[in-house]
N, C-alpha and C. Protein backbone atom coordinates (compact mmCIF):
# COMPACT_ATOMS: atom_id res chain seq x y z
N MET A 1 3.93 28.01 18.84
CA MET A 1 5.26 28.00 19.38
C MET A 1 5.76 26.55 19.36
N TYR A 2 7.04 26.40 19.04
CA TYR A 2 7.62 25.06 19.06
C TYR A 2 7.82 24.60 20.49
N ILE A 3 7.36 23.41 20.77
CA ILE A 3 7.51 22.80 22.08
C ILE A 3 8.62 21.75 22.03
N CYS A 4 8.60 20.92 21.01
CA CYS A 4 9.61 19.88 20.83
C CYS A 4 10.44 20.24 19.60
N ILE A 5 11.63 20.75 19.85
CA ILE A 5 12.51 21.14 18.75
C ILE A 5 13.02 19.91 18.00
N CYS A 6 13.32 18.85 18.73
CA CYS A 6 13.86 17.64 18.10
C CYS A 6 12.93 17.07 17.03
N LYS A 7 11.62 17.12 17.30
CA LYS A 7 10.64 16.52 16.40
C LYS A 7 9.74 17.56 15.73
N ASP A 8 10.07 18.85 15.88
CA ASP A 8 9.31 19.94 15.25
C ASP A 8 7.82 19.90 15.59
N VAL A 9 7.51 19.81 16.87
CA VAL A 9 6.12 19.75 17.32
C VAL A 9 5.75 21.07 17.99
N THR A 10 4.61 21.61 17.59
CA THR A 10 4.15 22.89 18.14
C THR A 10 3.05 22.69 19.18
N ASP A 11 2.77 23.75 19.91
CA ASP A 11 1.69 23.69 20.89
C ASP A 11 0.35 23.45 20.20
N ARG A 12 0.16 23.98 19.02
CA ARG A 12 -1.09 23.76 18.29
C ARG A 12 -1.25 22.29 17.93
N GLN A 13 -0.18 21.63 17.53
CA GLN A 13 -0.25 20.21 17.21
C GLN A 13 -0.63 19.38 18.44
N ILE A 14 -0.11 19.79 19.60
CA ILE A 14 -0.45 19.09 20.84
C ILE A 14 -1.94 19.27 21.15
N ARG A 15 -2.43 20.49 21.03
CA ARG A 15 -3.86 20.74 21.27
C ARG A 15 -4.73 19.98 20.28
N ASP A 16 -4.31 19.98 19.01
CA ASP A 16 -5.07 19.25 17.99
C ASP A 16 -5.11 17.75 18.30
N ALA A 17 -3.98 17.21 18.73
CA ALA A 17 -3.93 15.78 19.08
C ALA A 17 -4.86 15.50 20.26
N MET A 18 -4.92 16.41 21.21
CA MET A 18 -5.82 16.24 22.35
C MET A 18 -7.27 16.31 21.90
N ASP A 19 -7.56 17.20 20.96
CA ASP A 19 -8.92 17.30 20.43
C ASP A 19 -9.32 16.01 19.70
N GLN A 20 -8.31 15.30 19.19
CA GLN A 20 -8.56 14.04 18.49
C GLN A 20 -8.55 12.84 19.42
N GLY A 21 -8.34 13.07 20.73
CA GLY A 21 -8.44 11.97 21.67
C GLY A 21 -7.23 11.69 22.54
N ALA A 22 -6.08 12.31 22.27
CA ALA A 22 -4.91 12.09 23.11
C ALA A 22 -5.18 12.63 24.51
N ARG A 23 -4.87 11.84 25.54
CA ARG A 23 -5.13 12.25 26.92
C ARG A 23 -3.91 12.17 27.82
N THR A 24 -2.87 11.46 27.36
CA THR A 24 -1.69 11.27 28.19
C THR A 24 -0.43 11.60 27.40
N MET A 25 0.69 11.70 28.12
CA MET A 25 1.96 11.91 27.44
C MET A 25 2.28 10.72 26.55
N ARG A 26 1.89 9.54 26.98
CA ARG A 26 2.11 8.35 26.15
C ARG A 26 1.37 8.49 24.82
N ASP A 27 0.14 9.02 24.88
CA ASP A 27 -0.63 9.26 23.64
C ASP A 27 0.10 10.25 22.74
N LEU A 28 0.58 11.34 23.34
CA LEU A 28 1.30 12.36 22.56
C LEU A 28 2.58 11.79 21.97
N ASN A 29 3.26 10.97 22.74
CA ASN A 29 4.48 10.36 22.26
C ASN A 29 4.18 9.47 21.06
N ARG A 30 3.11 8.71 21.17
CA ARG A 30 2.72 7.80 20.09
C ARG A 30 2.31 8.58 18.83
N GLU A 31 1.54 9.65 19.03
CA GLU A 31 1.00 10.42 17.90
C GLU A 31 2.03 11.37 17.27
N LEU A 32 2.78 12.08 18.14
CA LEU A 32 3.63 13.16 17.65
C LEU A 32 5.12 12.96 17.93
N ASN A 33 5.47 11.89 18.63
CA ASN A 33 6.85 11.64 19.05
C ASN A 33 7.38 12.68 20.03
N VAL A 34 6.49 13.33 20.77
CA VAL A 34 6.90 14.31 21.77
C VAL A 34 7.69 13.61 22.87
N ALA A 35 8.79 14.21 23.29
CA ALA A 35 9.64 13.71 24.37
C ALA A 35 10.24 12.34 24.06
N SER A 36 10.42 12.05 22.80
CA SER A 36 10.97 10.74 22.44
C SER A 36 12.47 10.77 22.16
N GLN A 37 13.04 11.97 22.13
CA GLN A 37 14.46 12.04 21.84
C GLN A 37 15.22 12.55 23.06
N CYS A 38 15.32 13.86 23.25
CA CYS A 38 16.09 14.37 24.40
C CYS A 38 15.23 14.51 25.66
N GLY A 39 13.90 14.66 25.50
CA GLY A 39 13.00 14.72 26.64
C GLY A 39 12.85 16.07 27.30
N LYS A 40 13.57 17.08 26.83
CA LYS A 40 13.51 18.40 27.46
C LYS A 40 12.16 19.09 27.28
N CYS A 41 11.34 18.62 26.37
CA CYS A 41 10.04 19.24 26.10
C CYS A 41 8.92 18.66 26.96
N ALA A 42 9.19 17.63 27.71
CA ALA A 42 8.14 16.92 28.44
C ALA A 42 7.37 17.83 29.38
N CYS A 43 8.06 18.66 30.14
CA CYS A 43 7.38 19.55 31.10
C CYS A 43 6.48 20.55 30.38
N ALA A 44 6.97 21.14 29.31
CA ALA A 44 6.18 22.12 28.56
C ALA A 44 4.96 21.44 27.92
N ALA A 45 5.15 20.23 27.40
CA ALA A 45 4.03 19.51 26.79
C ALA A 45 2.96 19.19 27.84
N LYS A 46 3.39 18.80 29.04
CA LYS A 46 2.44 18.51 30.12
C LYS A 46 1.68 19.76 30.53
N GLN A 47 2.35 20.90 30.56
CA GLN A 47 1.67 22.16 30.90
C GLN A 47 0.61 22.49 29.86
N ILE A 48 0.91 22.29 28.61
CA ILE A 48 -0.06 22.55 27.54
C ILE A 48 -1.25 21.60 27.68
N MET A 49 -0.96 20.34 27.99
CA MET A 49 -2.04 19.37 28.19
C MET A 49 -2.95 19.81 29.32
N ARG A 50 -2.38 20.20 30.47
CA ARG A 50 -3.19 20.63 31.62
C ARG A 50 -4.02 21.85 31.27
N SER A 51 -3.40 22.81 30.61
CA SER A 51 -4.09 24.04 30.24
C SER A 51 -5.23 23.75 29.27
N HIS A 52 -5.00 22.89 28.32
CA HIS A 52 -6.02 22.58 27.32
C HIS A 52 -7.17 21.79 27.95
N GLN A 53 -6.86 20.91 28.89
CA GLN A 53 -7.91 20.16 29.58
C GLN A 53 -8.78 21.11 30.40
N LYS A 54 -8.16 22.10 31.04
CA LYS A 54 -8.90 23.11 31.81
C LYS A 54 -9.82 23.90 30.88
N ASP A 55 -9.29 24.29 29.72
CA ASP A 55 -10.09 25.05 28.75
C ASP A 55 -11.29 24.23 28.27
N ASP A 56 -11.10 22.93 28.08
CA ASP A 56 -12.20 22.06 27.65
C ASP A 56 -13.30 21.98 28.69
N ARG A 57 -12.91 22.08 29.96
CA ARG A 57 -13.91 22.01 31.03
C ARG A 57 -14.49 23.37 31.34
N GLY A 58 -14.03 24.40 30.66
CA GLY A 58 -14.56 25.74 30.89
C GLY A 58 -13.81 26.51 31.95
N GLY A 59 -12.64 26.03 32.33
CA GLY A 59 -11.86 26.75 33.33
C GLY A 59 -12.39 26.54 34.73
N CYS A 60 -11.88 27.30 35.66
CA CYS A 60 -12.24 27.10 37.07
C CYS A 60 -13.57 27.73 37.43
N CYS A 61 -14.07 28.58 36.59
CA CYS A 61 -15.28 29.33 36.96
C CYS A 61 -16.52 28.92 36.16
N ALA A 62 -16.45 27.80 35.49
CA ALA A 62 -17.60 27.36 34.67
C ALA A 62 -18.74 26.91 35.57
N ARG A 63 -19.94 27.13 35.12
CA ARG A 63 -21.12 26.71 35.88
C ARG A 63 -21.98 25.80 35.05
C-alpha cells in the first residue's frame, strides 16, 4: 500500500529499509524521502515502523 503519495513510497519499502538498518523517521527520510514534502504520511509511516519493530521482537507474547 502506498504510504507516501508524494514520493511513491510503499509500506513494503519502509519495512525493507528497516530490515536494512533504518530505525528512525530521520533514517526513513534520508533513505526514502518519507515525509519530506507535505508530511501527511508521517503518522502512517511511524505506525508501520512500530508494527514492524514489534514483529521483529516476536510481538507481545514472545518467550
